[in-house]
Amino acid sequence: MRAVDAFLLALDDAWSHDWESLMSVLKGVTEEEAVWQAPCYRHEPRVPGAPPPGSIRWQVVHVAECKASYTLRLCGNREARSPDVPPLGTSTFVQDLAALHEAHRAEREEIAAIPDAELTPAVADFLTNIIRHDIWHAGQIAVARRLWRKRDGR
């Protein structure tokens, strides 16, 4: 097993674990639920064309954009294609999810291409940051979904 394979296992777990992952918390999210904004975010500044801050859709677009950025940083001098992430406000939630999947695929592919000789402490730290970022936003989405279910005292 290559050293980078341990990072891939953790990334895969953060992405698709049955109970604690981005994909598990996004399962069944509707368009209406995706754009709902919890009251605690109502006073956050909104970027024109962007989903409401704190909404599930905002989280998905943010993670897709970050994954695209991380992929470009990982490739360094190697030739890489940036994942297709639609500009803010030009897509649907279904398209946002597709962009997230594409960004994750490209990110994972780039991580898998890292030779052991390039797995320095700085690169390892960056990879653990990528994994923590996925888990952080999965937790935020889980809380947003719970708040959605309990909105208006339901």
Protein backbone atom coordinates (compact mmCIF):
# COMPACT_ATOMS: atom_id res chain seq x y z
CA MET A 1 0.00 0.00 0.00
CA ARG A 2 1.33 3.41 -0.95
CA ALA A 3 1.39 6.13 1.71
CA VAL A 4 -1.13 8.25 -0.21
CA ASP A 5 -3.62 5.36 -0.16
CA ALA A 6 -4.31 6.03 3.54
CA PHE A 7 -5.39 9.55 2.62
CA LEU A 8 -7.59 8.19 -0.16
CA LEU A 9 -9.30 5.82 2.29
CA ALA A 10 -10.04 8.71 4.65
CA LEU A 11 -11.24 10.92 1.77
CA ASP A 12 -13.53 8.15 0.51
CA ASP A 13 -14.93 7.69 4.00
CA ALA A 14 -15.61 11.44 4.39
CA TRP A 15 -17.29 11.37 0.98
CA SER A 16 -19.43 8.25 1.11
CA HIS A 17 -19.61 6.64 4.56
CA ASP A 18 -23.15 5.33 5.14
CA TRP A 19 -23.79 7.56 8.18
CA GLU A 20 -21.13 10.26 8.47
CA SER A 21 -20.27 11.72 5.08
CA LEU A 22 -21.15 14.38 2.55
CA MET A 23 -23.18 11.95 0.47
CA SER A 24 -25.09 10.54 3.43
CA VAL A 25 -26.22 13.98 4.61
CA LEU A 26 -27.14 15.07 1.07
CA LYS A 27 -29.31 12.02 0.38
CA GLY A 28 -32.88 13.11 -0.34
CA VAL A 29 -32.34 16.88 -0.11
CA THR A 30 -34.99 18.69 -2.14
CA GLU A 31 -34.55 21.95 -4.05
CA GLU A 32 -36.76 23.71 -1.47
CA GLU A 33 -34.74 22.34 1.43
CA ALA A 34 -31.46 23.17 -0.33
CA VAL A 35 -32.18 26.91 -0.53
CA TRP A 36 -33.79 27.29 2.91
CA GLN A 37 -31.80 29.59 5.16
CA ALA A 38 -31.83 29.15 8.93
CA PRO A 39 -32.72 32.36 10.79
CA CYS A 40 -29.23 32.57 12.31
CA TYR A 41 -27.84 33.30 8.81
CA ARG A 42 -30.40 35.95 7.79
CA HIS A 43 -28.04 38.87 8.49
CA GLU A 44 -25.03 37.37 6.74
CA PRO A 45 -23.98 39.32 3.65
CA ARG A 46 -25.17 37.67 0.45
CA VAL A 47 -23.02 37.57 -2.65
CA PRO A 48 -25.15 38.51 -5.68
CA GLY A 49 -26.15 35.36 -7.55
CA ALA A 50 -24.93 33.08 -4.77
CA PRO A 51 -27.20 30.74 -2.81
CA PRO A 52 -28.33 32.04 0.59
CA PRO A 53 -25.46 31.92 3.12
CA GLY A 54 -25.63 28.87 5.36
CA SER A 55 -28.08 27.07 3.08
CA ILE A 56 -27.37 23.53 1.96
CA ARG A 57 -27.01 24.77 -1.60
CA TRP A 58 -24.43 27.33 -0.44
CA GLN A 59 -22.51 24.52 1.31
CA VAL A 60 -22.56 22.34 -1.83
CA VAL A 61 -21.39 25.15 -4.14
CA HIS A 62 -18.69 26.16 -1.65
CA VAL A 63 -17.34 22.62 -1.29
CA ALA A 64 -17.35 22.12 -5.09
CA GLU A 65 -15.45 25.38 -5.58
CA CYS A 66 -12.94 24.46 -2.88
CA LYS A 67 -12.41 21.00 -4.34
CA ALA A 68 -11.72 22.58 -7.75
CA SER A 69 -9.23 24.95 -6.13
CA TYR A 70 -7.57 22.15 -4.15
CA THR A 71 -7.21 20.08 -7.31
CA LEU A 72 -5.37 22.89 -9.06
CA ARG A 73 -3.10 23.38 -6.04
CA LEU A 74 -2.35 19.66 -5.88
CA CYS A 75 -1.33 19.39 -9.51
CA GLY A 76 1.48 21.91 -9.06
CA ASN A 77 3.42 21.93 -12.31
CA ARG A 78 1.68 18.87 -13.71
CA GLU A 79 -0.94 19.54 -16.34
CA ALA A 80 -4.42 19.36 -14.86
CA ARG A 81 -7.95 20.12 -15.97
CA SER A 82 -10.00 22.13 -13.51
CA PRO A 83 -13.31 20.47 -12.64
CA ASP A 84 -16.36 22.13 -14.17
CA VAL A 85 -18.02 24.13 -11.40
CA PRO A 86 -20.93 26.25 -12.66
CA PRO A 87 -20.82 29.93 -11.81
CA LEU A 88 -22.95 30.93 -8.84
CA GLY A 89 -26.60 31.39 -9.61
CA THR A 90 -26.51 29.74 -13.02
CA SER A 91 -27.50 26.24 -12.05
CA THR A 92 -30.03 24.16 -10.18
CA PHE A 93 -29.36 22.17 -7.04
CA VAL A 94 -29.18 19.00 -9.15
CA GLN A 95 -26.51 20.66 -11.30
CA ASP A 96 -24.69 21.84 -8.17
CA LEU A 97 -24.59 18.23 -6.94
CA ALA A 98 -23.27 17.05 -10.32
CA ALA A 99 -20.56 19.72 -10.15
CA LEU A 100 -19.69 18.58 -6.63
CA HIS A 101 -19.35 14.98 -7.83
CA GLU A 102 -17.13 16.05 -10.73
CA ALA A 103 -14.97 18.23 -8.49
CA HIS A 104 -14.57 15.36 -6.02
CA ARG A 105 -13.69 12.91 -8.80
CA ALA A 106 -10.99 15.23 -10.15
CA GLU A 107 -9.66 15.95 -6.65
CA ARG A 108 -9.47 12.24 -5.80
CA GLU A 109 -7.75 11.48 -9.10
CA GLU A 110 -5.13 14.15 -8.42
CA ILE A 111 -4.51 12.86 -4.89
CA ALA A 112 -4.10 9.31 -6.23
CA ALA A 113 -1.42 10.58 -8.64
CA ILE A 114 0.83 11.87 -5.83
CA PRO A 115 3.99 9.75 -5.74
CA ASP A 116 5.24 8.72 -2.29
CA ALA A 117 8.38 10.82 -2.84
CA GLU A 118 6.18 13.96 -3.02
CA LEU A 119 4.21 13.17 0.13
CA THR A 120 6.02 15.70 2.32
CA PRO A 121 4.70 16.81 5.72
CA ALA A 122 3.27 19.95 4.05
CA VAL A 123 1.43 17.87 1.43
CA ALA A 124 0.15 15.48 4.11
CA ASP A 125 -1.11 18.46 6.13
CA PHE A 126 -2.89 19.81 3.03
CA LEU A 127 -4.52 16.42 2.39
CA THR A 128 -5.78 16.17 5.97
CA ASN A 129 -7.19 19.71 5.59
CA ILE A 130 -9.10 18.59 2.48
CA ILE A 131 -10.62 15.68 4.41
CA ARG A 132 -11.48 17.84 7.44
CA HIS A 133 -13.14 20.39 5.15
CA ASP A 134 -15.49 17.75 3.70
CA ILE A 135 -16.38 16.54 7.19
CA TRP A 136 -16.88 20.09 8.51
CA HIS A 137 -19.39 20.91 5.79
CA ALA A 138 -21.12 17.53 6.10
CA GLY A 139 -21.75 18.43 9.74
CA GLN A 140 -23.09 21.86 8.79
CA ILE A 141 -25.42 20.28 6.24
CA ALA A 142 -26.64 17.78 8.84
CA VAL A 143 -27.48 20.63 11.23
CA ALA A 144 -29.20 22.61 8.43
CA ARG A 145 -31.34 19.56 7.63
CA ARG A 146 -32.35 19.16 11.28
CA LEU A 147 -33.25 22.86 11.48
CA TRP A 148 -35.24 22.52 8.23
CA ARG A 149 -37.24 19.64 9.68
CA LYS A 150 -37.94 21.63 12.87
CA ARG A 151 -38.64 25.00 11.24
CA ASP A 152 -41.79 26.76 12.41
CA GLY A 153 -42.06 24.39 15.38
CA ARG A 154 -42.82 21.35 13.21
